[in-house]
N, C-alpha and C. Protein backbone atom coordinates (compact mmCIF):
# COMPACT_ATOMS: atom_id res chain seq x y z
N VAL A 1 3.48 8.99 -7.24
CA VAL A 1 3.19 7.73 -7.94
C VAL A 1 1.92 7.98 -8.90
N ARG A 2 1.79 7.05 -9.75
CA ARG A 2 0.60 7.25 -10.75
C ARG A 2 -0.48 6.36 -10.28
N ALA A 3 -1.81 6.74 -10.64
CA ALA A 3 -2.89 5.68 -10.27
C ALA A 3 -2.58 4.43 -10.63
N GLY A 4 -2.91 3.29 -9.90
CA GLY A 4 -2.49 2.04 -10.41
C GLY A 4 -1.22 1.50 -10.10
N THR A 5 -0.26 2.19 -9.68
CA THR A 5 0.97 1.72 -9.27
C THR A 5 0.90 1.03 -8.03
N PRO A 6 1.51 -0.34 -8.01
CA PRO A 6 1.47 -1.10 -6.94
C PRO A 6 2.56 -0.53 -5.81
N LEU A 7 1.80 -0.51 -4.64
CA LEU A 7 2.49 0.09 -3.41
C LEU A 7 2.76 -0.98 -2.43
N VAL A 8 1.91 -1.94 -2.21
CA VAL A 8 2.28 -3.02 -1.26
C VAL A 8 1.84 -4.42 -1.68
N VAL A 9 2.50 -5.48 -1.46
CA VAL A 9 2.17 -6.80 -1.78
C VAL A 9 1.89 -7.44 -0.47
N LEU A 10 0.60 -8.13 -0.35
CA LEU A 10 0.12 -8.72 0.97
C LEU A 10 0.42 -10.23 0.58
N GLU A 11 0.82 -11.04 1.46
CA GLU A 11 0.73 -12.46 1.26
C GLU A 11 -0.24 -13.09 2.44
N ALA A 12 -1.27 -13.77 1.93
CA ALA A 12 -2.10 -14.39 2.74
C ALA A 12 -2.43 -15.83 2.28
N MET A 13 -2.45 -16.71 2.95
CA MET A 13 -2.70 -18.22 2.68
C MET A 13 -2.10 -18.47 1.23
N LYS A 14 -0.74 -18.30 1.09
CA LYS A 14 0.15 -18.50 -0.04
C LYS A 14 -0.35 -17.90 -1.15
N MET A 15 -1.24 -16.76 -1.08
CA MET A 15 -1.59 -15.91 -2.17
C MET A 15 -0.93 -14.51 -2.03
N GLU A 16 -0.78 -13.85 -3.10
CA GLU A 16 -0.08 -12.48 -3.12
C GLU A 16 -1.18 -11.64 -3.70
N ILE A 17 -1.47 -10.43 -2.80
CA ILE A 17 -2.42 -9.51 -3.28
C ILE A 17 -1.88 -8.23 -3.30
N ARG A 18 -1.79 -7.54 -4.38
CA ARG A 18 -1.22 -6.18 -4.81
C ARG A 18 -2.16 -5.11 -4.43
N LEU A 19 -1.72 -4.29 -3.63
CA LEU A 19 -2.55 -2.98 -3.35
C LEU A 19 -1.95 -1.90 -4.14
N VAL A 20 -2.83 -1.16 -5.08
CA VAL A 20 -2.36 -0.19 -5.85
C VAL A 20 -2.80 1.16 -5.62
N ALA A 21 -2.10 2.17 -6.00
CA ALA A 21 -2.54 3.53 -5.59
C ALA A 21 -3.89 3.95 -6.39
N PRO A 22 -4.98 4.39 -5.46
CA PRO A 22 -6.19 4.63 -6.07
C PRO A 22 -6.30 5.82 -6.93
N PHE A 23 -5.14 6.77 -6.68
CA PHE A 23 -5.12 8.03 -7.48
C PHE A 23 -3.58 8.28 -7.51
N ALA A 24 -3.29 9.48 -8.38
CA ALA A 24 -2.05 9.94 -8.58
C ALA A 24 -1.72 10.78 -7.33
N GLY A 25 -0.47 10.65 -6.81
CA GLY A 25 0.00 11.41 -5.74
C GLY A 25 1.45 11.21 -5.20
N ARG A 26 1.64 11.47 -3.96
CA ARG A 26 2.79 11.27 -3.34
C ARG A 26 2.66 10.39 -2.18
N VAL A 27 3.57 9.53 -2.01
CA VAL A 27 3.52 8.49 -0.78
C VAL A 27 3.92 9.55 0.38
N LYS A 28 3.10 9.72 1.24
CA LYS A 28 3.47 10.64 2.32
C LYS A 28 4.12 9.75 3.52
N ARG A 29 3.72 8.47 3.86
CA ARG A 29 4.17 7.76 4.76
C ARG A 29 3.98 6.22 4.55
N VAL A 30 4.74 5.30 4.96
CA VAL A 30 4.68 3.87 4.90
C VAL A 30 4.79 3.42 6.28
N THR A 31 3.74 2.67 6.71
CA THR A 31 3.67 2.30 8.31
C THR A 31 3.96 0.85 8.29
N CYS A 32 4.56 0.23 7.47
CA CYS A 32 4.89 -1.28 7.53
C CYS A 32 6.12 -1.50 7.01
N ALA A 33 6.64 -2.72 7.23
CA ALA A 33 8.06 -3.00 6.68
C ALA A 33 7.75 -4.40 6.19
N PRO A 34 8.78 -4.84 5.27
CA PRO A 34 8.74 -6.25 4.79
C PRO A 34 8.71 -7.27 5.96
N GLY A 35 7.86 -8.22 5.75
CA GLY A 35 7.68 -9.32 6.89
C GLY A 35 6.75 -8.93 7.92
N ASP A 36 6.27 -7.84 8.16
CA ASP A 36 5.15 -7.40 9.15
C ASP A 36 4.04 -8.35 8.98
N VAL A 37 3.54 -8.63 10.12
CA VAL A 37 2.24 -9.20 10.34
C VAL A 37 1.26 -7.96 10.40
N VAL A 38 0.28 -7.89 9.64
CA VAL A 38 -0.73 -6.73 9.69
C VAL A 38 -1.93 -7.24 9.91
N GLU A 39 -2.69 -6.30 10.84
CA GLU A 39 -4.13 -6.76 11.03
C GLU A 39 -4.99 -6.01 10.09
N ARG A 40 -6.16 -6.58 9.86
CA ARG A 40 -7.10 -6.12 9.00
C ARG A 40 -7.60 -4.59 9.35
N GLY A 41 -7.74 -3.75 8.52
CA GLY A 41 -8.06 -2.29 8.75
C GLY A 41 -6.88 -1.48 8.97
N ARG A 42 -5.67 -2.00 9.12
CA ARG A 42 -4.52 -1.09 9.48
C ARG A 42 -4.12 -0.27 8.15
N VAL A 43 -3.81 1.14 8.47
CA VAL A 43 -3.30 1.72 7.35
C VAL A 43 -1.84 1.22 7.07
N LEU A 44 -1.57 1.12 5.74
CA LEU A 44 -0.13 0.61 5.37
C LEU A 44 0.49 1.69 4.81
N VAL A 45 -0.20 2.63 3.95
CA VAL A 45 0.49 3.71 3.18
C VAL A 45 -0.37 4.87 3.24
N GLU A 46 0.25 6.01 3.33
CA GLU A 46 -0.58 7.32 3.24
C GLU A 46 -0.27 8.08 2.02
N LEU A 47 -1.29 8.38 1.22
CA LEU A 47 -0.92 9.19 0.00
C LEU A 47 -1.37 10.49 0.12
N GLU A 48 -0.82 11.36 -0.60
CA GLU A 48 -1.27 12.72 -0.66
C GLU A 48 -1.44 13.08 -2.22
N ALA A 49 -2.71 13.34 -2.42
CA ALA A 49 -3.14 13.57 -3.88
C ALA A 49 -2.11 14.54 -4.60
N SER A 50 -2.13 14.46 -6.00
CA SER A 50 -1.32 15.59 -6.64
C SER A 50 -2.20 16.74 -6.90
N ALA A 51 -1.52 17.86 -6.88
CA ALA A 51 -2.22 19.14 -7.04
C ALA A 51 -2.70 19.33 -8.32
């Protein structure tokens, strides 16, 4: 993915919050699924930096 690519959309109190890739790289792991309720501080996506 490129830096700035949307990775996850969170919904809270009828608002959508887009989480974007902070750097270019490869998605290593996704730890959530659509509809999951997630707690603050939970890792949702693991990225591996491009070489």
